[in-house]
Amino acid sequence: MKDISTPTVKLLAYTPHPQMIVATAMRQSRLRGGVSEVHLAEEDIERLIKLALTLKHFSVFEHASFTFAVEGISRACSHQLVRHRFFSFTQQSQRFVKVDEFPFIIPPSISKNSDTLEIFLNTIEVIKGAYSTLSKAVPIEDARFILPNATETKIVATANSRELMHFFKLRLDESAQWEIRTLAHLMFNEVHKVAPLIFNEENLKLYE
């Protein structure tokens, strides 16, 4: 069904050489002189990042930031995401953007059962019709009041690596809600590509 959305994440931008920046900050904390002319070898970068994690010197990770384009998540998921207050967010507005195609997300617990799936899809169709009718009669900022948490949303999110570590610690946990855990995995995979010394499975246990 074309209206059903699945989450996608694209890393739009990030601090150039994020691992070197973090390692240089860590070097400064233990260096009498300045670091403006310091050139770290790859093995030094890896050692300093590991040292920072081991000593829980997390402030040095705040110097590298990452910006993501997130699509295909529900409003229910975005409500959880924006609770991470040290991120910066810009979300697609339901006040100014009319929901035409009405993409939505179905929880697996609902989709795996034909009876619950039928209830869900029938309800979505009713809401879709009601929204379409309302949006012709009232401003879409008022018609949106009838939209469900299942409605798909898009959001741009920016965070430094320290806040991402905290996010991953919470949201990759088995106890996390299924949709935001899926989102966290996608985001983790993106930052692992550009900063694998910071974001890897072994380091997860060191995050706070």
C-alpha atoms as a PDB file:
ATOM      1  CA  MET A   1       0.000   0.000   0.000  1.00  0.00           C
ATOM      2  CA  LYS A   2       1.596   3.244  -1.187  1.00  0.00           C
ATOM      3  CA  ASP A   3       0.364   5.284   1.775  1.00  0.00           C
ATOM      4  CA  ILE A   4       2.367   3.237   4.294  1.00  0.00           C
ATOM      5  CA  SER A   5       5.664   4.926   5.212  1.00  0.00           C
ATOM      6  CA  THR A   6       8.918   3.503   6.524  1.00  0.00           C
ATOM      7  CA  PRO A   7      11.664   5.530   8.198  1.00  0.00           C
ATOM      8  CA  THR A   8      14.646   6.856   6.257  1.00  0.00           C
ATOM      9  CA  VAL A   9      17.628   8.843   7.524  1.00  0.00           C
ATOM     10  CA  LYS A  10      20.189  10.820   5.552  1.00  0.00           C
ATOM     11  CA  LEU A  11      23.179  12.525   7.126  1.00  0.00           C
ATOM     12  CA  LEU A  12      23.006  15.984   5.552  1.00  0.00           C
ATOM     13  CA  ALA A  13      26.126  17.540   7.089  1.00  0.00           C
ATOM     14  CA  TYR A  14      28.629  17.154   9.892  1.00  0.00           C
ATOM     15  CA  THR A  15      31.654  18.833  11.390  1.00  0.00           C
ATOM     16  CA  PRO A  16      34.625  18.198   9.077  1.00  0.00           C
ATOM     17  CA  HIS A  17      37.032  15.620  10.516  1.00  0.00           C
ATOM     18  CA  PRO A  18      34.850  15.052  13.611  1.00  0.00           C
ATOM     19  CA  GLN A  19      37.147  12.440  15.167  1.00  0.00           C
ATOM     20  CA  MET A  20      40.191  14.663  14.818  1.00  0.00           C
ATOM     21  CA  ILE A  21      38.291  17.581  16.376  1.00  0.00           C
ATOM     22  CA  VAL A  22      37.239  15.488  19.377  1.00  0.00           C
ATOM     23  CA  ALA A  23      40.729  14.048  19.828  1.00  0.00           C
ATOM     24  CA  THR A  24      42.307  17.500  19.568  1.00  0.00           C
ATOM     25  CA  ALA A  25      39.964  18.787  22.284  1.00  0.00           C
ATOM     26  CA  MET A  26      40.942  15.841  24.451  1.00  0.00           C
ATOM     27  CA  ARG A  27      44.625  16.576  23.779  1.00  0.00           C
ATOM     28  CA  GLN A  28      44.128  20.200  24.853  1.00  0.00           C
ATOM     29  CA  SER A  29      42.766  19.139  28.226  1.00  0.00           C
ATOM     30  CA  ARG A  30      46.112  17.522  29.047  1.00  0.00           C
ATOM     31  CA  LEU A  31      48.527  19.794  27.198  1.00  0.00           C
ATOM     32  CA  ARG A  32      50.336  22.789  28.726  1.00  0.00           C
ATOM     33  CA  GLY A  33      50.521  24.589  25.388  1.00  0.00           C
ATOM     34  CA  GLY A  34      47.928  25.215  22.705  1.00  0.00           C
ATOM     35  CA  VAL A  35      46.726  22.810  20.015  1.00  0.00           C
ATOM     36  CA  SER A  36      46.446  25.152  17.026  1.00  0.00           C
ATOM     37  CA  GLU A  37      49.549  23.592  15.481  1.00  0.00           C
ATOM     38  CA  VAL A  38      49.090  20.054  16.816  1.00  0.00           C
ATOM     39  CA  HIS A  39      48.856  17.334  14.169  1.00  0.00           C
ATOM     40  CA  LEU A  40      47.579  14.005  15.445  1.00  0.00           C
ATOM     41  CA  ALA A  41      48.327  10.673  13.805  1.00  0.00           C
ATOM     42  CA  GLU A  42      45.460   8.199  13.311  1.00  0.00           C
ATOM     43  CA  GLU A  43      46.658   6.071  16.214  1.00  0.00           C
ATOM     44  CA  ASP A  44      46.721   9.175  18.458  1.00  0.00           C
ATOM     45  CA  ILE A  45      43.150  10.054  17.474  1.00  0.00           C
ATOM     46  CA  GLU A  46      41.946   6.553  18.290  1.00  0.00           C
ATOM     47  CA  ARG A  47      43.820   6.499  21.618  1.00  0.00           C
ATOM     48  CA  LEU A  48      42.535   9.910  22.713  1.00  0.00           C
ATOM     49  CA  ILE A  49      38.926   9.119  21.836  1.00  0.00           C
ATOM     50  CA  LYS A  50      39.089   5.861  23.763  1.00  0.00           C
ATOM     51  CA  LEU A  51      40.705   7.663  26.701  1.00  0.00           C
ATOM     52  CA  ALA A  52      37.938  10.289  26.725  1.00  0.00           C
ATOM     53  CA  LEU A  53      35.272   7.589  26.768  1.00  0.00           C
ATOM     54  CA  THR A  54      37.017   5.570  29.455  1.00  0.00           C
ATOM     55  CA  LEU A  55      37.465   8.626  31.698  1.00  0.00           C
ATOM     56  CA  LYS A  56      33.919   9.802  30.890  1.00  0.00           C
ATOM     57  CA  HIS A  57      35.343  13.095  29.667  1.00  0.00           C
ATOM     58  CA  PHE A  58      32.254  13.642  27.531  1.00  0.00           C
ATOM     59  CA  SER A  59      32.554  17.411  27.043  1.00  0.00           C
ATOM     60  CA  VAL A  60      35.155  16.923  24.305  1.00  0.00           C
ATOM     61  CA  PHE A  61      32.518  15.187  22.175  1.00  0.00           C
ATOM     62  CA  GLU A  62      30.428  18.365  22.094  1.00  0.00           C
ATOM     63  CA  HIS A  63      32.730  19.921  19.489  1.00  0.00           C
ATOM     64  CA  ALA A  64      31.474  17.755  16.603  1.00  0.00           C
ATOM     65  CA  SER A  65      27.904  18.025  15.336  1.00  0.00           C
ATOM     66  CA  PHE A  66      25.766  16.088  12.862  1.00  0.00           C
ATOM     67  CA  THR A  67      22.615  17.049  10.937  1.00  0.00           C
ATOM     68  CA  PHE A  68      20.078  14.457   9.758  1.00  0.00           C
ATOM     69  CA  ALA A  69      17.098  14.513   7.415  1.00  0.00           C
ATOM     70  CA  VAL A  70      14.514  12.130   8.859  1.00  0.00           C
ATOM     71  CA  GLU A  71      11.467  10.979   6.920  1.00  0.00           C
ATOM     72  CA  GLY A  72       8.821   8.308   7.255  1.00  0.00           C
ATOM     73  CA  ILE A  73       8.326   8.439  11.017  1.00  0.00           C
ATOM     74  CA  SER A  74       5.033   8.927  12.801  1.00  0.00           C
ATOM     75  CA  ARG A  75       4.014  11.944  14.808  1.00  0.00           C
ATOM     76  CA  ALA A  76       4.068   9.597  17.808  1.00  0.00           C
ATOM     77  CA  CYS A  77       7.755   8.932  17.152  1.00  0.00           C
ATOM     78  CA  SER A  78       8.580  12.595  16.624  1.00  0.00           C
ATOM     79  CA  HIS A  79       6.985  13.426  19.986  1.00  0.00           C
ATOM     80  CA  GLN A  80       9.560  11.131  21.593  1.00  0.00           C
ATOM     81  CA  LEU A  81      12.419  12.464  19.491  1.00  0.00           C
ATOM     82  CA  VAL A  82      11.866  16.126  20.353  1.00  0.00           C
ATOM     83  CA  ARG A  83      12.090  15.333  24.060  1.00  0.00           C
ATOM     84  CA  HIS A  84      15.854  15.202  23.508  1.00  0.00           C
ATOM     85  CA  ARG A  85      16.184  18.900  24.268  1.00  0.00           C
ATOM     86  CA  PHE A  86      19.844  19.294  23.332  1.00  0.00           C
ATOM     87  CA  PHE A  87      19.061  18.452  19.729  1.00  0.00           C
ATOM     88  CA  SER A  88      17.921  21.225  17.388  1.00  0.00           C
ATOM     89  CA  PHE A  89      14.802  20.403  15.361  1.00  0.00           C
ATOM     90  CA  THR A  90      12.871  21.771  12.390  1.00  0.00           C
ATOM     91  CA  GLN A  91       9.724  19.756  11.709  1.00  0.00           C
ATOM     92  CA  GLN A  92       7.340  19.741   8.759  1.00  0.00           C
ATOM     93  CA  SER A  93       4.385  21.922   9.723  1.00  0.00           C
ATOM     94  CA  GLN A  94       0.872  20.512   9.674  1.00  0.00           C
ATOM     95  CA  ARG A  95      -0.325  24.097   9.936  1.00  0.00           C
ATOM     96  CA  PHE A  96       1.075  25.126   6.548  1.00  0.00           C
ATOM     97  CA  VAL A  97       1.528  21.800   4.734  1.00  0.00           C
ATOM     98  CA  LYS A  98      -1.739  20.149   3.726  1.00  0.00           C
ATOM     99  CA  VAL A  99      -1.786  16.371   4.083  1.00  0.00           C
ATOM    100  CA  ASP A 100      -2.781  15.223   0.575  1.00  0.00           C
ATOM    101  CA  GLU A 101      -1.398  11.724   0.080  1.00  0.00           C
ATOM    102  CA  PHE A 102      -1.928  10.974   3.780  1.00  0.00           C
ATOM    103  CA  PRO A 103       1.079   8.690   4.389  1.00  0.00           C
ATOM    104  CA  PHE A 104       0.958   6.897   7.737  1.00  0.00           C
ATOM    105  CA  ILE A 105       2.791   4.343   9.880  1.00  0.00           C
ATOM    106  CA  ILE A 106       1.309   1.038  11.078  1.00  0.00           C
ATOM    107  CA  PRO A 107       2.688  -0.534  14.278  1.00  0.00           C
ATOM    108  CA  PRO A 108       3.842  -4.152  13.704  1.00  0.00           C
ATOM    109  CA  SER A 109       1.581  -5.393  16.499  1.00  0.00           C
ATOM    110  CA  ILE A 110      -1.380  -4.121  14.482  1.00  0.00           C
ATOM    111  CA  SER A 111      -0.236  -5.120  11.000  1.00  0.00           C
ATOM    112  CA  LYS A 112       0.481  -8.753  11.927  1.00  0.00           C
ATOM    113  CA  ASN A 113      -3.151  -9.381  12.900  1.00  0.00           C
ATOM    114  CA  SER A 114      -5.806  -9.181  10.177  1.00  0.00           C
ATOM    115  CA  ASP A 115      -8.547  -8.078  12.558  1.00  0.00           C
ATOM    116  CA  THR A 116      -6.595  -5.236  14.149  1.00  0.00           C
ATOM    117  CA  LEU A 117      -5.203  -4.218  10.764  1.00  0.00           C
ATOM    118  CA  GLU A 118      -8.708  -3.940   9.329  1.00  0.00           C
ATOM    119  CA  ILE A 119      -9.811  -1.737  12.230  1.00  0.00           C
ATOM    120  CA  PHE A 120      -6.741   0.460  11.799  1.00  0.00           C
ATOM    121  CA  LEU A 121      -7.072   0.875   8.027  1.00  0.00           C
ATOM    122  CA  ASN A 122     -10.810   1.517   8.178  1.00  0.00           C
ATOM    123  CA  THR A 123     -10.249   4.201  10.799  1.00  0.00           C
ATOM    124  CA  ILE A 124      -7.508   5.805   8.709  1.00  0.00           C
ATOM    125  CA  GLU A 125      -9.895   5.978   5.749  1.00  0.00           C
ATOM    126  CA  VAL A 126     -12.553   7.668   7.880  1.00  0.00           C
ATOM    127  CA  ILE A 127     -10.028  10.216   9.183  1.00  0.00           C
ATOM    128  CA  LYS A 128      -8.682  10.780   5.677  1.00  0.00           C
ATOM    129  CA  GLY A 129     -12.173  11.590   4.401  1.00  0.00           C
ATOM    130  CA  ALA A 130     -12.957  13.803   7.371  1.00  0.00           C
ATOM    131  CA  TYR A 131      -9.693  15.732   7.008  1.00  0.00           C
ATOM    132  CA  SER A 132     -10.289  16.232   3.293  1.00  0.00           C
ATOM    133  CA  THR A 133     -13.772  17.603   3.972  1.00  0.00           C
ATOM    134  CA  LEU A 134     -12.678  19.794   6.867  1.00  0.00           C
ATOM    135  CA  SER A 135      -9.690  21.245   5.002  1.00  0.00           C
ATOM    136  CA  LYS A 136     -12.077  22.620   2.376  1.00  0.00           C
ATOM    137  CA  ALA A 137     -14.271  24.266   4.989  1.00  0.00           C
ATOM    138  CA  VAL A 138     -11.788  25.504   7.598  1.00  0.00           C
ATOM    139  CA  PRO A 139      -8.080  26.489   7.656  1.00  0.00           C
ATOM    140  CA  ILE A 140      -5.782  23.472   7.533  1.00  0.00           C
ATOM    141  CA  GLU A 141      -4.319  24.591  10.861  1.00  0.00           C
ATOM    142  CA  ASP A 142      -7.723  23.650  12.310  1.00  0.00           C
ATOM    143  CA  ALA A 143      -8.396  20.626  10.114  1.00  0.00           C
ATOM    144  CA  ARG A 144      -5.137  19.101  11.388  1.00  0.00           C
ATOM    145  CA  PHE A 145      -6.696  18.613  14.823  1.00  0.00           C
ATOM    146  CA  ILE A 146      -8.293  15.412  13.538  1.00  0.00           C
ATOM    147  CA  LEU A 147      -5.048  13.869  12.280  1.00  0.00           C
ATOM    148  CA  PRO A 148      -3.789  10.794  14.193  1.00  0.00           C
ATOM    149  CA  ASN A 149      -0.410  10.046  15.751  1.00  0.00           C
ATOM    150  CA  ALA A 150       0.101   7.591  12.877  1.00  0.00           C
ATOM    151  CA  THR A 151       0.463  10.465  10.384  1.00  0.00           C
ATOM    152  CA  GLU A 152       3.898  10.541   8.770  1.00  0.00           C
ATOM    153  CA  THR A 153       6.168  13.508   9.458  1.00  0.00           C
ATOM    154  CA  LYS A 154       9.555  14.789   8.321  1.00  0.00           C
ATOM    155  CA  ILE A 155      12.128  16.495  10.498  1.00  0.00           C
ATOM    156  CA  VAL A 156      15.645  17.905  10.339  1.00  0.00           C
ATOM    157  CA  ALA A 157      17.610  17.164  13.497  1.00  0.00           C
ATOM    158  CA  THR A 158      21.033  18.380  14.599  1.00  0.00           C
ATOM    159  CA  ALA A 159      23.025  17.227  17.607  1.00  0.00           C
ATOM    160  CA  ASN A 160      26.603  17.096  18.785  1.00  0.00           C
ATOM    161  CA  SER A 161      28.221  13.727  19.305  1.00  0.00           C
ATOM    162  CA  ARG A 162      27.862  13.952  23.093  1.00  0.00           C
ATOM    163  CA  GLU A 163      24.085  14.293  22.823  1.00  0.00           C
ATOM    164  CA  LEU A 164      23.961  11.554  20.180  1.00  0.00           C
ATOM    165  CA  MET A 165      25.765   9.206  22.554  1.00  0.00           C
ATOM    166  CA  HIS A 166      23.106   9.886  25.198  1.00  0.00           C
ATOM    167  CA  PHE A 167      20.357   9.411  22.610  1.00  0.00           C
ATOM    168  CA  PHE A 168      21.795   6.095  21.448  1.00  0.00           C
ATOM    169  CA  LYS A 169      22.272   4.900  25.033  1.00  0.00           C
ATOM    170  CA  LEU A 170      18.545   5.354  25.661  1.00  0.00           C
ATOM    171  CA  ARG A 171      16.963   4.640  22.302  1.00  0.00           C
ATOM    172  CA  LEU A 172      18.999   1.628  21.169  1.00  0.00           C
ATOM    173  CA  ASP A 173      18.117  -0.142  24.383  1.00  0.00           C
ATOM    174  CA  GLU A 174      15.827  -3.170  24.108  1.00  0.00           C
ATOM    175  CA  SER A 175      13.279  -1.398  26.307  1.00  0.00           C
ATOM    176  CA  ALA A 176      12.917   1.543  23.924  1.00  0.00           C
ATOM    177  CA  GLN A 177       9.730   1.872  21.874  1.00  0.00           C
ATOM    178  CA  TRP A 178      10.058   0.015  18.563  1.00  0.00           C
ATOM    179  CA  GLU A 179       9.795   2.963  16.164  1.00  0.00           C
ATOM    180  CA  ILE A 180      12.293   5.284  17.802  1.00  0.00           C
ATOM    181  CA  ARG A 181      14.638   2.316  18.282  1.00  0.00           C
ATOM    182  CA  THR A 182      14.458   1.721  14.519  1.00  0.00           C
ATOM    183  CA  LEU A 183      15.176   5.410  13.943  1.00  0.00           C
ATOM    184  CA  ALA A 184      18.117   5.330  16.358  1.00  0.00           C
ATOM    185  CA  HIS A 185      19.624   2.363  14.493  1.00  0.00           C
ATOM    186  CA  LEU A 186      19.398   4.246  11.190  1.00  0.00           C
ATOM    187  CA  MET A 187      20.997   7.345  12.693  1.00  0.00           C
ATOM    188  CA  PHE A 188      23.711   5.276  14.361  1.00  0.00           C
ATOM    189  CA  ASN A 189      24.532   3.619  11.025  1.00  0.00           C
ATOM    190  CA  GLU A 190      24.887   7.036   9.385  1.00  0.00           C
ATOM    191  CA  VAL A 191      27.299   8.504  11.935  1.00  0.00           C
ATOM    192  CA  HIS A 192      29.260   5.239  12.104  1.00  0.00           C
ATOM    193  CA  LYS A 193      30.203   5.782   8.454  1.00  0.00           C
ATOM    194  CA  VAL A 194      31.909   9.113   9.158  1.00  0.00           C
ATOM    195  CA  ALA A 195      33.036   8.688  12.785  1.00  0.00           C
ATOM    196  CA  PRO A 196      33.519   4.953  13.453  1.00  0.00           C
ATOM    197  CA  LEU A 197      35.982   5.538  16.306  1.00  0.00           C
ATOM    198  CA  ILE A 198      33.245   7.367  18.227  1.00  0.00           C
ATOM    199  CA  PHE A 199      30.157   5.469  17.080  1.00  0.00           C
ATOM    200  CA  ASN A 200      30.633   1.713  17.165  1.00  0.00           C
ATOM    201  CA  GLU A 201      29.046  -1.224  18.956  1.00  0.00           C
ATOM    202  CA  GLU A 202      31.931  -1.614  21.390  1.00  0.00           C
ATOM    203  CA  ASN A 203      31.602   1.995  22.571  1.00  0.00           C
ATOM    204  CA  LEU A 204      27.871   1.760  23.232  1.00  0.00           C
ATOM    205  CA  LYS A 205      28.445   0.406  26.732  1.00  0.00           C
ATOM    206  CA  LEU A 206      30.591   3.448  27.572  1.00  0.00           C
ATOM    207  CA  TYR A 207      27.932   5.999  26.621  1.00  0.00           C
ATOM    208  CA  GLU A 208      25.921   7.880  29.218  1.00  0.00           C
END
